[in-house]
Amino acid sequence: MSPTLGTWLDAVFARVPKWTMNIDAERLRNQAIKHLSSLVARHGAEATAVVESMGRSGVRIVIVAVDGVYGDAIVASVADAREVCAQIPQLTVGEWDRSTAELVAPSVQDRTRMAGTGR
């Protein structure tokens, strides 16, 4: 990122009222809890969560259920991600190690989308 763009982004974020970011963060947290809880309930009794920072865009929580189905949610910060994971007792926070990666079972639709064909 160029210094000019970084300075411009800092200026834009400085103008956003802090209460607006807090409302969005709370909304994202609540949506993540609802979405991920539902996914875990539908696909097994437990799942592994991997927390990944995306820079200024937020933090992605990827969960992999025991049957290989995976899903994700975006929250505002690492602290929010930890709170979401703590709210779902069936989640175990982990990393992208061999055992987690081996569980992932992409569907045909996932493979098509990842290939960039758009079909």
Foldseek 3Di string as FASTA:
>chain_A
DDPVVVVVVVVVVVPDDPVVLVVQQVVQLVVQLVVVLVVQVVADQAWEWEWAAPPQVAIKIWIAHQQQDIDIGGGHYPVSVVVSQVVRVRYDYDHPDPVNVVSHDDDPVRVCVVVVPPD
